């Protein structure tokens, strides 16, 4: 009989444990993507983004909005997109 769980009652740590998800040891950004070489400054920015995400994720304090704030906005800035304020 399959195990049925209420998703709203699960923490991120529960999901990692149930799905047996593990962090990759090498921490490389290029394992899954073909990227142009990045500068040392860009590499430092990427590491900062990853470390910020991991810090919040490990504490279980992560939401969809926080993921966007921690990752998408800095990555868009690195990609050359300008963030504009309206109003």
Protein backbone atom coordinates (compact mmCIF):
# COMPACT_ATOMS: atom_id res chain seq x y z
CA UNK A 1 0.00 0.00 0.00
CA UNK A 2 1.46 3.40 -0.99
CA UNK A 3 2.34 5.94 1.66
CA UNK A 4 0.08 8.99 1.42
CA UNK A 5 1.24 12.19 3.10
CA UNK A 6 -0.35 15.61 3.39
CA UNK A 7 2.13 17.92 1.62
CA UNK A 8 1.21 20.91 3.76
CA UNK A 9 2.41 19.02 6.84
CA UNK A 10 5.86 18.24 5.43
CA UNK A 11 8.98 20.26 6.07
CA UNK A 12 11.73 20.61 3.50
CA UNK A 13 13.86 18.26 5.61
CA UNK A 14 11.06 15.67 5.49
CA UNK A 15 11.00 15.89 1.70
CA UNK A 16 14.79 15.46 1.48
CA UNK A 17 14.64 12.45 3.78
CA UNK A 18 11.66 10.80 2.05
CA UNK A 19 13.06 11.30 -1.45
CA UNK A 20 16.62 10.49 -0.32
CA UNK A 21 17.93 13.75 -1.80
CA UNK A 22 21.59 14.47 -1.17
CA UNK A 23 23.75 17.49 -1.82
CA UNK A 24 26.46 16.97 -4.43
CA UNK A 25 29.89 17.00 -2.83
CA UNK A 26 31.74 18.94 -5.53
CA UNK A 27 29.36 21.91 -5.64
CA UNK A 28 30.09 22.60 -9.30
CA UNK A 29 27.73 24.84 -11.27
CA UNK A 30 28.69 23.23 -14.56
CA UNK A 31 27.64 19.63 -13.89
CA UNK A 32 24.20 20.19 -15.38
CA UNK A 33 24.72 23.08 -17.79
CA UNK A 34 27.02 24.05 -20.62
CA UNK A 35 28.17 27.50 -19.63
CA UNK A 36 30.68 29.97 -20.97
CA UNK A 37 33.60 30.43 -18.59
CA UNK A 38 32.78 32.87 -15.80
CA UNK A 39 35.10 35.44 -14.29
CA UNK A 40 36.40 35.16 -10.75
CA UNK A 41 34.02 37.94 -9.68
CA UNK A 42 31.05 36.15 -11.27
CA UNK A 43 32.12 32.88 -9.61
CA UNK A 44 32.19 34.65 -6.23
CA UNK A 45 28.68 36.03 -6.85
CA UNK A 46 27.41 32.56 -7.77
CA UNK A 47 28.94 31.06 -4.63
CA UNK A 48 27.38 33.82 -2.51
CA UNK A 49 23.95 33.12 -4.06
CA UNK A 50 24.34 29.38 -3.43
CA UNK A 51 25.53 29.90 0.15
CA UNK A 52 22.64 32.26 0.93
CA UNK A 53 20.16 29.73 -0.45
CA UNK A 54 21.76 26.82 1.42
CA UNK A 55 21.77 28.73 4.71
CA UNK A 56 18.01 29.38 4.55
CA UNK A 57 17.27 25.93 3.13
CA UNK A 58 19.17 24.10 5.87
CA UNK A 59 17.17 25.95 8.52
CA UNK A 60 13.91 24.96 6.80
CA UNK A 61 12.99 28.65 6.42
CA UNK A 62 12.40 28.72 2.70
CA UNK A 63 9.34 29.68 0.68
CA UNK A 64 8.75 30.19 -3.02
CA UNK A 65 9.03 33.95 -2.59
CA UNK A 66 12.29 33.63 -0.68
CA UNK A 67 13.74 31.34 -3.38
CA UNK A 68 12.94 34.01 -5.96
CA UNK A 69 14.47 36.73 -3.80
CA UNK A 70 17.63 34.75 -2.98
CA UNK A 71 18.30 33.26 -6.40
CA UNK A 72 16.38 34.70 -9.33
CA UNK A 73 16.93 38.40 -8.66
CA UNK A 74 20.74 38.07 -8.22
CA UNK A 75 21.01 35.73 -11.21
CA UNK A 76 19.03 38.13 -13.41
CA UNK A 77 21.34 40.96 -12.32
CA UNK A 78 24.38 38.83 -13.21
CA UNK A 79 22.80 38.07 -16.59
CA UNK A 80 22.54 41.79 -17.30
CA UNK A 81 18.86 42.41 -16.64
CA UNK A 82 18.15 45.68 -14.91
CA UNK A 83 15.66 45.67 -12.06
CA UNK A 84 13.23 48.57 -12.38
CA UNK A 85 10.88 50.04 -9.83
CA UNK A 86 7.51 51.27 -10.98
CA UNK A 87 5.36 53.84 -9.29
